[in-house]
Protein backbone atom coordinates (compact mmCIF):
# COMPACT_ATOMS: atom_id res chain seq x y z
CA UNK A 1 5.37 -8.38 -5.49
CA UNK A 2 3.83 -4.98 -6.32
CA UNK A 3 5.79 -2.67 -8.60
CA UNK A 4 7.71 0.08 -6.77
CA UNK A 5 5.76 3.35 -7.00
CA UNK A 6 7.88 6.33 -8.02
CA UNK A 7 6.86 9.96 -7.76
CA UNK A 8 8.77 11.86 -10.47
CA UNK A 9 8.88 15.64 -9.99
CA UNK A 10 10.50 17.20 -13.08
CA UNK A 11 9.38 20.22 -15.13
CA UNK A 12 11.56 19.51 -18.17
CA UNK A 13 8.89 17.82 -20.30
CA UNK A 14 11.29 15.93 -22.56
CA UNK A 15 13.36 14.63 -19.67
CA UNK A 16 10.28 13.70 -17.65
CA UNK A 17 8.80 11.74 -20.56
CA UNK A 18 12.11 9.94 -21.16
CA UNK A 19 12.52 9.02 -17.48
CA UNK A 20 8.92 7.87 -17.16
CA UNK A 21 9.31 5.65 -20.22
CA UNK A 22 12.61 4.17 -19.01
CA UNK A 23 11.45 3.50 -15.47
CA UNK A 24 8.16 1.98 -16.61
CA UNK A 25 10.16 -0.28 -18.95
CA UNK A 26 12.07 -1.42 -15.85
CA UNK A 27 8.83 -2.37 -14.11
CA UNK A 28 8.19 0.74 -12.01
CA UNK A 29 4.82 2.40 -11.48
CA UNK A 30 5.53 6.07 -12.22
CA UNK A 31 3.43 9.09 -11.28
CA UNK A 32 4.86 12.29 -12.78
CA UNK A 33 4.22 15.97 -12.20
CA UNK A 34 6.09 19.15 -13.15
CA UNK A 35 4.62 21.11 -10.23
CA UNK A 36 6.00 21.17 -6.69
CA UNK A 37 2.66 21.93 -5.05
CA UNK A 38 0.99 19.02 -6.83
CA UNK A 39 3.89 16.77 -5.86
CA UNK A 40 3.24 17.44 -2.18
CA UNK A 41 -0.45 16.62 -2.63
CA UNK A 42 0.34 13.39 -4.50
CA UNK A 43 2.82 12.30 -1.86
CA UNK A 44 0.30 13.01 0.90
CA UNK A 45 -2.54 11.16 -0.84
CA UNK A 46 -0.44 8.02 -1.33
CA UNK A 47 3.12 7.82 -0.06
CA UNK A 48 5.38 6.58 -2.89
CA UNK A 49 8.18 4.06 -2.47
CA UNK A 50 10.64 6.68 -3.72
CA UNK A 51 10.66 10.29 -4.95
CA UNK A 52 12.79 11.51 -7.85
CA UNK A 53 12.91 15.25 -7.29
CA UNK A 54 14.30 18.06 -9.43
CA UNK A 55 15.76 20.94 -7.43
CA UNK A 56 14.17 23.62 -9.67
CA UNK A 57 10.50 22.96 -10.45
CA UNK A 58 7.35 25.04 -10.79
CA UNK A 59 5.61 26.11 -7.60
CA UNK A 60 7.26 24.88 -4.41
CA UNK A 61 10.99 24.34 -4.97
CA UNK A 62 12.53 20.88 -4.86
CA UNK A 63 14.58 21.67 -1.77
CA UNK A 64 11.43 22.83 0.06
CA UNK A 65 9.51 19.74 -1.09
CA UNK A 66 12.29 17.61 0.33
CA UNK A 67 12.16 19.51 3.62
CA UNK A 68 8.36 19.17 3.91
CA UNK A 69 8.35 15.48 3.04
CA UNK A 70 10.87 14.88 5.80
CA UNK A 71 8.73 16.81 8.30
CA UNK A 72 5.53 14.90 7.49
CA UNK A 73 5.22 11.68 9.52
CA UNK A 74 3.59 9.89 6.57
CA UNK A 75 6.48 10.61 4.19
CA UNK A 76 9.42 11.16 6.55
CA UNK A 77 11.01 7.85 5.63
CA UNK A 78 10.36 7.83 1.86
CA UNK A 79 13.71 7.78 -0.02
CA UNK A 80 14.43 10.88 -2.11
CA UNK A 81 16.81 11.10 -5.06
CA UNK A 82 17.41 14.72 -6.02
CA UNK A 83 18.15 15.86 -9.58
CA UNK A 84 19.89 19.16 -10.17
CA UNK A 85 22.09 21.19 -12.47
CA UNK A 86 23.79 22.51 -9.33
CA UNK A 87 27.04 20.58 -9.18
CA UNK A 88 29.12 22.39 -6.57
CA UNK A 89 29.87 20.78 -3.24
CA UNK A 90 27.90 23.25 -1.11
CA UNK A 91 24.70 22.56 -3.05
CA UNK A 92 25.19 18.80 -2.82
CA UNK A 93 25.72 19.04 0.92
CA UNK A 94 22.67 21.27 1.30
CA UNK A 95 20.52 18.77 -0.59
CA UNK A 96 21.75 15.85 1.49
CA UNK A 97 21.39 17.73 4.77
CA UNK A 98 17.81 18.64 3.85
CA UNK A 99 17.02 14.93 3.64
CA UNK A 100 17.88 13.66 0.16
CA UNK A 101 19.21 10.09 0.07
CA UNK A 102 21.16 10.58 -3.16
CA UNK A 103 22.05 13.44 -5.48
CA UNK A 104 22.40 13.19 -9.28
CA UNK A 105 23.87 16.12 -11.20
CA UNK A 106 22.63 16.97 -14.70
CA UNK A 107 23.43 15.93 -17.32
CA UNK A 108 23.20 12.25 -16.42
CA UNK A 109 22.34 9.03 -18.20
CA UNK A 110 18.98 7.36 -17.48
CA UNK A 111 20.90 4.13 -16.83
CA UNK A 112 22.85 5.82 -14.03
CA UNK A 113 19.67 7.16 -12.43
CA UNK A 114 17.93 3.77 -12.69
CA UNK A 115 20.95 2.14 -11.04
CA UNK A 116 20.98 4.69 -8.22
CA UNK A 117 17.24 4.37 -7.62
CA UNK A 118 17.62 0.59 -7.54
CA UNK A 119 20.43 0.87 -4.98
CA UNK A 120 18.32 3.07 -2.71
CA UNK A 121 15.25 0.84 -3.02
CA UNK A 122 17.21 -2.31 -2.19
CA UNK A 123 17.44 -0.94 1.33
CA UNK A 124 13.65 -0.70 1.56
CA UNK A 125 12.09 -3.36 -0.66
CA UNK A 126 13.22 -6.42 1.36
CA UNK A 127 11.08 -5.26 4.28
CA UNK A 128 8.08 -4.69 2.01
CA UNK A 129 8.45 -8.20 0.59
CA UNK A 130 8.96 -9.88 3.96
CA UNK A 131 12.43 -11.03 2.99
CA UNK A 132 15.79 -10.98 4.71
CA UNK A 133 17.29 -7.67 5.77
CA UNK A 134 21.08 -7.50 5.98
CA UNK A 135 23.24 -4.60 7.13
CA UNK A 136 26.89 -5.33 7.73
CA UNK A 137 27.18 -8.61 9.64
CA UNK A 138 23.63 -8.48 11.03
CA UNK A 139 20.77 -10.38 9.37
CA UNK A 140 17.09 -10.06 10.22
CA UNK A 141 14.46 -12.48 8.92
CA UNK A 142 11.10 -10.72 9.24
CA UNK A 143 9.20 -13.91 8.41
CA UNK A 144 10.75 -16.21 11.01
CA UNK A 145 11.38 -13.35 13.45
CA UNK A 146 15.07 -14.28 13.79
CA UNK A 147 18.15 -12.10 14.10
CA UNK A 148 21.71 -13.33 13.67
CA UNK A 149 25.11 -11.68 13.79
CA UNK A 150 28.07 -13.49 12.26
CA UNK A 151 25.93 -16.62 12.27
CA UNK A 152 25.13 -16.39 15.98
CA UNK A 153 21.44 -16.20 16.93
CA UNK A 154 20.54 -13.14 19.00
CA UNK A 155 17.73 -12.87 21.54
CA UNK A 156 15.68 -9.69 21.18
CA UNK A 157 12.45 -8.66 22.82
CA UNK A 158 9.47 -7.73 20.59
CA UNK A 159 10.08 -3.99 20.86
CA UNK A 160 13.81 -4.31 20.23
CA UNK A 161 13.04 -6.48 17.19
CA UNK A 162 10.72 -3.81 15.74
CA UNK A 163 13.26 -1.11 16.49
CA UNK A 164 16.06 -3.07 14.81
CA UNK A 165 13.86 -3.84 11.80
CA UNK A 166 13.07 -0.17 11.35
CA UNK A 167 16.74 0.79 11.64
CA UNK A 168 17.77 -1.87 9.12
CA UNK A 169 15.16 -0.65 6.65
CA UNK A 170 16.82 2.80 6.78
CA UNK A 171 20.57 2.28 7.34
CA UNK A 172 22.61 5.43 7.86
CA UNK A 173 19.60 7.72 8.38
CA UNK A 174 19.45 9.72 11.61
CA UNK A 175 16.11 9.52 13.40
CA UNK A 176 14.97 11.60 16.34
CA UNK A 177 13.43 9.95 19.39
CA UNK A 178 10.05 11.26 18.28
CA UNK A 179 10.38 9.71 14.83
CA UNK A 180 11.41 6.37 16.35
CA UNK A 181 8.51 6.56 18.77
CA UNK A 182 6.02 7.08 15.93
CA UNK A 183 7.56 4.41 13.72
CA UNK A 184 7.98 1.66 16.33
CA UNK A 185 5.27 2.35 18.88
CA UNK A 186 2.76 4.04 16.53
CA UNK A 187 1.39 7.53 16.02
CA UNK A 188 -0.39 8.93 19.04
CA UNK A 189 1.49 6.74 21.49
CA UNK A 190 1.63 8.10 25.03
CA UNK A 191 5.02 6.48 25.64
CA UNK A 192 7.60 8.97 26.93
CA UNK A 193 10.56 9.86 24.72
CA UNK A 194 13.04 8.57 27.28
CA UNK A 195 11.53 5.11 26.81
CA UNK A 196 13.20 5.09 23.40
CA UNK A 197 16.59 5.43 25.11
CA UNK A 198 15.82 2.44 27.34
CA UNK A 199 15.06 0.22 24.35
CA UNK A 200 18.08 1.54 22.45
CA UNK A 201 20.26 0.41 25.38
CA UNK A 202 18.61 -3.02 25.37
CA UNK A 203 19.09 -3.31 21.61
CA UNK A 204 22.75 -2.35 21.89
CA UNK A 205 23.29 -4.93 24.63
CA UNK A 206 21.73 -7.65 22.48
CA UNK A 207 23.75 -6.73 19.40
CA UNK A 208 27.18 -6.25 20.95
CA UNK A 209 27.70 -9.70 22.47
CA UNK A 210 31.22 -11.14 22.25
CA UNK A 211 32.77 -7.67 21.81
CA UNK A 212 31.05 -7.00 18.47
CA UNK A 213 31.06 -3.32 17.57
CA UNK A 214 27.96 -1.24 18.31
CA UNK A 215 26.07 -0.49 15.06
CA UNK A 216 23.81 2.11 16.72
CA UNK A 217 25.32 5.58 16.54
CA UNK A 218 24.20 8.35 18.88
CA UNK A 219 24.01 11.73 17.14
CA UNK A 220 24.10 14.50 19.71
CA UNK A 221 20.99 16.71 19.74
CA UNK A 222 19.57 14.72 16.81
CA UNK A 223 18.89 11.08 17.70
CA UNK A 224 20.19 7.73 16.54
CA UNK A 225 21.39 6.09 13.34
CA UNK A 226 22.12 2.45 12.44
CA UNK A 227 25.22 1.69 10.40
CA UNK A 228 27.21 -1.29 9.14
CA UNK A 229 30.32 -1.81 11.27
C-alpha cells in the first residue's frame, strides 16, 4: 500500500520541520511549503491524499487556498485539516463552511494532529486500498462488488454502486449535482444534472428496504450528503 501523501502548508519553520519529521516517522510522504501560492501549484500538479493547512501563510491565505481547492474538480474531494491560532467559534465555523474537514487550534500536540489526520484518512484510504467501506450499518466491498445492510445483501445497479461508493468515501460531505456527475459519470459527461436525481432515488430505494432509515440527505439548494443513520 503506498504511503499517504500529505501536503503541509505552514510558514512557521520550526513547527513545519517538527510536523514533517513526526508524520514521516509515522509512514507518511510529506511535501511541505510555507507559501500559499506554491501550495496551490503543488496540489494541482499532484493531488495529495490530505492537506494540512495553516490559516495564516505567506502569499494566498489558508482560507482562500481551502476555497480554491474545493472549487477545483481535481482537488474538490481532498480532505483538509486546518491549523490556526484563531480559536473562537465564528472562525471555526467559517473554516468548516469553506470546506475544511477538521480544525485544530494552536497550540496543539503533534500526537493530536496525527490522530486527527488518521481519523480523516480512514474515511478515504479503504477505497484506495480496495478494502471494505463501512458507514453506519451499510458495508460496501469494492473488490467483490457487494453491498450489505445489517447483514442483508442489497441489489444495486452499476451506477448506483458507483454513486454509493463515492458517498461512502466521503461521509457527511455535501456534494452538488455537478460534483456527483463529474465524480460518478466522469468529467465532460453530457448527462443532464437531473439524471443524478433519478439515480439518487434508485439508490435510496435500494438502501431503505424493510423500513431502514434513508442515509442520503437532501440539502436544499446545495445537493446531497451521505450519513450514518
